[in-house]
Amino acid sequence: MNRNKLVASALICLLLFSCQKNIIETPASVTAKTMLDVSYGTDPYQVMDIYLPSNRSATTTKVIVMIHGGGWNAGDKADMTPYVDSFNNRLPDYAVININYRLALTSTTLFPTQEMDVKAAMQFIVDHTSGYLVTQKIVLVGASAGGHLALLQGNKYSTPVRPKAIVSFFGPTDMTDMYNNPTNVLVPPALVQVIGKTPTQDPLIYSNSSPVNFVTSSSPPTILLHGGVDPLVKASQSVTMKNLLQAAGVTNQYVFYPTEGHGWVGANLVDSFDKIQAFILANVN
């Protein structure tokens, strides 16, 4: 009898020790972490800022990827810092990743270099989700050229992962139409500067660079925001995208601000983030 009691006591101690060991090895909480200028390639422009929330998990924590604008040949991830802060406050359970990409400043970095960099950044993120304790449920958010890159990545590619939603602030969607029917005379030469050719000289690159040509029933839920007096990107660019998404049966929302231009602040920006937050919460599960 005494021997049986001794064995039972030993088993209880072993179980208690094992449970205690697991508690030590698996913390009850994970602290927030910020990593700046993390390289996803060899070029100095191929870097990203990573904001990881506390209590994150590889099974529950979703990711917002930010893509800056600047006409594909200017701009920086720092331009998106106010947006990063807004998402950190509104969706605190999300990780936020703000990326840079090579700019179309030389003959070796003309478009589609920027498209390929976004794809490479997505691959890097997917490859590191387990290490960062985040899921592969990604929302792409871009402004202007960044909106175009978000729409192109999300509709053109299913690898490394199809994003769960796209947010486009006044992003171009049809590059050929943008060249042929510009808002002002500066747009066509600006496109030639970053692409290297006109649509007549190379219709394929303009076609392959246009998100409208890649909309399918598998396209991600998309919210498009546009100003009615945008001097660079016509609102019709977003309307065309909205109509194609609608025809394909894809969840979408078009938010139009009649008196706004190429970007806005104040009450309308607050309204934009209210609508984006609601859209993400409704469509990213």
Protein backbone atom coordinates (compact mmCIF):
# COMPACT_ATOMS: atom_id res chain seq x y z
CA MET A 1 0.00 0.00 0.00
CA ASN A 2 2.75 2.43 0.95
CA ARG A 3 4.58 1.62 -2.27
CA ASN A 4 1.43 2.36 -4.33
CA LYS A 5 1.02 5.68 -2.55
CA LEU A 6 4.62 6.53 -3.26
CA VAL A 7 4.20 5.77 -6.97
CA ALA A 8 1.00 7.82 -7.11
CA SER A 9 2.72 10.75 -5.41
CA ALA A 10 5.58 10.53 -7.88
CA LEU A 11 3.17 10.59 -10.82
CA ILE A 12 1.35 13.62 -9.41
CA CYS A 13 4.65 15.44 -8.94
CA LEU A 14 5.67 14.58 -12.49
CA LEU A 15 2.40 15.92 -13.89
CA LEU A 16 2.66 19.12 -11.87
CA PHE A 17 6.25 19.62 -12.97
CA SER A 18 5.33 19.06 -16.62
CA CYS A 19 2.47 21.57 -16.45
CA GLN A 20 4.70 24.12 -14.76
CA LYS A 21 7.35 23.58 -17.42
CA ASN A 22 4.80 24.26 -20.17
CA ILE A 23 3.68 27.46 -18.47
CA ILE A 24 7.27 28.66 -18.37
CA GLU A 25 7.93 27.84 -22.01
CA THR A 26 4.67 29.34 -23.33
CA PRO A 27 4.21 32.88 -21.93
CA ALA A 28 0.68 34.01 -21.18
CA SER A 29 1.26 37.12 -23.30
CA VAL A 30 3.54 38.30 -26.10
CA THR A 31 4.79 41.87 -26.01
CA ALA A 32 4.41 44.33 -28.87
CA LYS A 33 7.43 44.70 -31.13
CA THR A 34 8.55 47.23 -33.74
CA MET A 35 11.22 46.44 -36.32
CA LEU A 36 12.30 49.21 -38.69
CA ASP A 37 13.99 48.90 -42.09
CA VAL A 38 13.86 45.12 -42.24
CA SER A 39 15.35 44.01 -45.57
CA TYR A 40 13.32 41.81 -47.89
CA GLY A 41 15.87 42.14 -50.72
CA THR A 42 19.41 43.32 -51.40
CA ASP A 43 18.60 46.87 -52.55
CA PRO A 44 18.48 49.66 -49.93
CA TYR A 45 14.93 50.47 -51.06
CA GLN A 46 13.76 46.92 -50.39
CA VAL A 47 12.95 47.42 -46.73
CA MET A 48 9.87 47.41 -44.52
CA ASP A 49 8.79 48.60 -41.09
CA ILE A 50 7.03 45.93 -39.04
CA TYR A 51 4.66 46.70 -36.16
CA LEU A 52 3.64 43.59 -34.25
CA PRO A 53 0.88 43.83 -31.62
CA SER A 54 0.97 42.35 -28.14
CA ASN A 55 -0.75 39.01 -27.51
CA ARG A 56 -0.34 38.10 -31.18
CA SER A 57 -0.74 34.58 -32.44
CA ALA A 58 0.22 32.63 -35.55
CA THR A 59 -3.39 31.42 -35.74
CA THR A 60 -5.33 34.64 -35.16
CA THR A 61 -3.30 37.80 -35.86
CA LYS A 62 -4.04 39.31 -39.27
CA VAL A 63 -1.75 41.65 -41.21
CA ILE A 64 -2.17 45.01 -42.93
CA VAL A 65 0.45 45.77 -45.59
CA MET A 66 0.83 49.46 -46.50
CA ILE A 67 2.12 50.62 -49.92
CA HIS A 68 3.06 54.28 -50.43
CA GLY A 69 2.39 56.40 -53.50
CA GLY A 70 4.50 58.90 -55.38
CA GLY A 71 4.04 58.15 -59.06
CA TRP A 72 6.16 54.97 -58.88
CA ASN A 73 9.32 57.15 -58.93
CA ALA A 74 9.03 59.07 -55.65
CA GLY A 75 7.63 58.74 -52.15
CA ASP A 76 8.62 56.72 -49.12
CA LYS A 77 7.05 54.47 -46.51
CA ALA A 78 7.33 57.39 -44.09
CA ASP A 79 4.49 58.99 -46.08
CA MET A 80 2.19 56.28 -44.75
CA THR A 81 3.06 56.74 -41.06
CA PRO A 82 -0.23 58.56 -40.28
CA TYR A 83 -2.11 55.64 -41.84
CA VAL A 84 -0.04 53.18 -39.80
CA ASP A 85 -0.98 55.04 -36.63
CA SER A 86 -4.66 55.05 -37.60
CA PHE A 87 -4.71 51.30 -38.16
CA ASN A 88 -2.77 50.62 -34.97
CA ASN A 89 -5.42 52.57 -33.06
CA ARG A 90 -8.47 51.26 -34.90
CA LEU A 91 -7.42 47.63 -35.38
CA PRO A 92 -4.98 47.02 -32.51
CA ASP A 93 -5.07 43.24 -32.97
CA TYR A 94 -3.61 43.55 -36.48
CA ALA A 95 0.06 43.59 -37.35
CA VAL A 96 0.96 46.48 -39.67
CA ILE A 97 3.78 46.29 -42.21
CA ASN A 98 4.81 49.40 -44.15
CA ILE A 99 6.95 48.71 -47.21
CA ASN A 100 9.32 50.57 -49.48
CA TYR A 101 10.10 49.50 -53.03
CA ARG A 102 12.63 50.46 -55.68
CA LEU A 103 11.65 53.65 -57.47
CA ALA A 104 11.58 54.07 -61.25
CA LEU A 105 14.54 56.44 -61.32
CA THR A 106 16.88 54.66 -63.73
CA SER A 107 16.59 52.43 -66.78
CA THR A 108 17.16 49.38 -64.57
CA THR A 109 14.26 50.14 -62.21
CA LEU A 110 11.46 51.06 -64.61
CA PHE A 111 8.06 49.47 -64.14
CA PRO A 112 7.34 46.57 -63.46
CA THR A 113 10.19 46.71 -60.91
CA GLN A 114 7.75 48.14 -58.36
CA GLU A 115 5.22 45.39 -59.04
CA MET A 116 7.89 42.74 -58.56
CA ASP A 117 9.09 44.34 -55.32
CA VAL A 118 5.58 44.24 -53.82
CA LYS A 119 5.38 40.57 -54.77
CA ALA A 120 8.79 39.94 -53.19
CA ALA A 121 7.74 41.76 -50.03
CA MET A 122 4.61 39.61 -49.85
CA GLN A 123 6.73 36.49 -50.22
CA PHE A 124 9.02 37.64 -47.41
CA ILE A 125 6.06 38.30 -45.12
CA VAL A 126 4.48 34.92 -45.85
CA ASP A 127 7.83 33.18 -45.28
CA HIS A 128 8.14 34.81 -41.85
CA THR A 129 4.58 34.59 -40.53
CA SER A 130 5.39 31.81 -38.07
CA GLY A 131 8.41 33.68 -36.73
CA TYR A 132 6.46 36.92 -36.38
CA LEU A 133 3.48 35.05 -34.85
CA VAL A 134 1.01 36.31 -37.47
CA THR A 135 -1.28 34.63 -39.97
CA GLN A 136 -1.22 34.75 -43.76
CA LYS A 137 -4.49 36.70 -43.73
CA ILE A 138 -3.27 39.93 -45.34
CA VAL A 139 -5.03 43.18 -46.22
CA LEU A 140 -3.31 45.38 -48.82
CA VAL A 141 -3.67 49.15 -48.38
CA GLY A 142 -2.24 51.59 -50.90
CA ALA A 143 -2.50 55.24 -51.89
CA SER A 144 -2.16 56.55 -55.46
CA ALA A 145 0.62 54.49 -57.10
CA GLY A 146 0.50 52.34 -53.97
CA GLY A 147 -3.21 51.79 -54.53
CA HIS A 148 -2.43 50.67 -58.06
CA LEU A 149 0.25 48.27 -56.77
CA ALA A 150 -2.13 46.88 -54.14
CA LEU A 151 -4.86 46.29 -56.73
CA LEU A 152 -2.39 44.75 -59.18
CA GLN A 153 -0.89 42.39 -56.61
CA GLY A 154 -4.25 41.36 -55.19
CA ASN A 155 -5.94 40.68 -58.52
CA LYS A 156 -3.06 39.47 -60.68
CA TYR A 157 -1.41 37.04 -58.27
CA SER A 158 -2.66 34.23 -56.09
CA THR A 159 0.87 33.48 -54.90
CA PRO A 160 2.45 33.69 -52.43
CA VAL A 161 -1.04 34.32 -51.06
CA ARG A 162 -4.23 35.99 -52.20
CA PRO A 163 -4.96 38.95 -49.89
CA LYS A 164 -8.19 38.87 -47.92
CA ALA A 165 -9.07 42.46 -48.86
CA ILE A 166 -7.73 45.50 -50.72
CA VAL A 167 -8.00 49.18 -49.83
CA SER A 168 -7.21 51.63 -52.64
CA PHE A 169 -7.01 55.37 -52.13
CA PHE A 170 -7.35 56.83 -55.67
CA GLY A 171 -5.19 54.16 -57.29
CA PRO A 172 -4.95 53.92 -61.10
CA THR A 173 -6.60 50.81 -62.51
CA ASP A 174 -6.30 51.11 -66.31
CA MET A 175 -2.89 52.34 -67.43
CA THR A 176 -3.76 52.51 -71.12
CA ASP A 177 -6.82 54.67 -70.45
CA MET A 178 -4.80 56.81 -68.06
CA TYR A 179 -2.35 57.53 -70.89
CA ASN A 180 -4.92 58.00 -73.63
CA ASN A 181 -7.44 60.02 -71.60
CA PRO A 182 -5.37 61.93 -69.06
CA THR A 183 -6.63 64.38 -66.49
CA ASN A 184 -3.90 66.79 -67.56
CA VAL A 185 -1.08 66.98 -70.10
CA LEU A 186 1.56 65.96 -67.54
CA VAL A 187 0.20 62.46 -67.02
CA PRO A 188 1.27 60.76 -70.32
CA PRO A 189 4.94 61.87 -70.14
CA ALA A 190 5.00 60.87 -66.46
CA LEU A 191 3.84 57.37 -67.39
CA VAL A 192 6.46 57.11 -70.14
CA GLN A 193 9.09 58.19 -67.64
CA VAL A 194 8.32 55.28 -65.29
CA ILE A 195 7.36 52.64 -67.88
CA GLY A 196 9.80 53.58 -70.62
CA LYS A 197 7.37 53.36 -73.54
CA THR A 198 3.98 54.52 -74.75
CA PRO A 199 0.99 52.18 -75.13
CA THR A 200 1.55 52.23 -78.89
CA GLN A 201 5.16 51.17 -78.48
CA ASP A 202 4.41 48.44 -75.93
CA PRO A 203 0.70 47.76 -75.46
CA LEU A 204 1.44 44.55 -73.54
CA ILE A 205 3.18 46.20 -70.61
CA TYR A 206 0.33 48.68 -70.22
CA SER A 207 -2.19 45.84 -70.35
CA ASN A 208 -0.22 43.69 -67.91
CA SER A 209 0.12 46.64 -65.56
CA SER A 210 -3.62 47.35 -65.38
CA PRO A 211 -5.57 45.80 -62.48
CA VAL A 212 -8.81 45.98 -64.49
CA ASN A 213 -7.48 43.20 -66.73
CA PHE A 214 -7.13 40.73 -63.86
CA VAL A 215 -10.49 40.92 -62.10
CA THR A 216 -12.09 37.52 -61.59
CA SER A 217 -14.61 35.98 -59.23
CA SER A 218 -11.61 35.15 -56.99
CA SER A 219 -10.58 38.78 -56.62
CA PRO A 220 -10.43 40.00 -53.00
CA PRO A 221 -13.13 42.17 -51.43
CA THR A 222 -12.14 45.72 -52.34
CA ILE A 223 -12.92 49.22 -51.10
CA LEU A 224 -12.07 52.06 -53.48
CA LEU A 225 -11.89 55.69 -52.33
CA HIS A 226 -11.68 58.61 -54.75
CA GLY A 227 -12.02 62.37 -54.95
CA GLY A 228 -14.19 64.05 -57.55
CA VAL A 229 -11.63 66.71 -58.49
CA ASP A 230 -8.52 64.52 -58.50
CA PRO A 231 -6.04 66.25 -60.85
CA LEU A 232 -3.97 63.12 -61.49
CA VAL A 233 -6.20 60.03 -61.45
CA LYS A 234 -9.73 60.26 -62.77
CA ALA A 235 -12.48 58.94 -60.52
CA SER A 236 -13.58 56.87 -63.52
CA GLN A 237 -10.52 54.68 -62.87
CA SER A 238 -12.05 53.53 -59.59
CA VAL A 239 -15.54 53.37 -61.07
CA THR A 240 -14.37 51.04 -63.84
CA MET A 241 -12.76 48.77 -61.25
CA LYS A 242 -15.91 48.84 -59.13
CA ASN A 243 -18.09 47.87 -62.10
CA LEU A 244 -15.83 44.94 -63.01
CA LEU A 245 -15.75 43.68 -59.43
CA GLN A 246 -19.51 43.99 -59.28
CA ALA A 247 -19.94 42.04 -62.53
CA ALA A 248 -17.62 39.31 -61.19
CA GLY A 249 -19.65 38.99 -58.00
CA VAL A 250 -16.85 40.33 -55.79
CA THR A 251 -17.72 42.24 -52.62
CA ASN A 252 -16.78 45.88 -53.12
CA GLN A 253 -17.48 49.40 -51.96
CA TYR A 254 -16.91 52.69 -53.77
CA VAL A 255 -16.52 55.79 -51.61
CA PHE A 256 -16.72 59.08 -53.54
CA TYR A 257 -15.91 62.54 -52.16
CA PRO A 258 -17.09 65.05 -54.80
CA THR A 259 -14.98 68.00 -53.64
CA GLU A 260 -11.75 66.17 -52.79
CA GLY A 261 -8.63 65.93 -54.91
CA HIS A 262 -5.65 63.58 -54.85
CA GLY A 263 -5.71 62.98 -51.10
CA TRP A 264 -7.62 64.63 -48.28
CA VAL A 265 -7.54 65.37 -44.58
CA GLY A 266 -9.97 66.32 -41.84
CA ALA A 267 -13.51 65.00 -41.52
CA ASN A 268 -13.45 63.16 -44.85
CA LEU A 269 -10.27 61.29 -43.92
CA VAL A 270 -11.87 60.27 -40.63
CA ASP A 271 -14.90 59.14 -42.59
CA SER A 272 -12.63 57.17 -44.93
CA PHE A 273 -11.07 55.29 -42.05
CA ASP A 274 -14.47 54.68 -40.48
CA LYS A 275 -15.58 53.04 -43.71
CA ILE A 276 -12.31 51.12 -44.18
CA GLN A 277 -12.44 49.81 -40.63
CA ALA A 278 -16.02 48.64 -41.07
CA PHE A 279 -15.18 47.05 -44.44
CA ILE A 280 -12.22 45.11 -43.05
CA LEU A 281 -14.12 43.92 -40.00
CA ALA A 282 -17.00 42.75 -42.21
CA ASN A 283 -14.93 40.98 -44.84
CA VAL A 284 -11.72 39.66 -43.27
CA ASN A 285 -12.39 36.60 -41.17
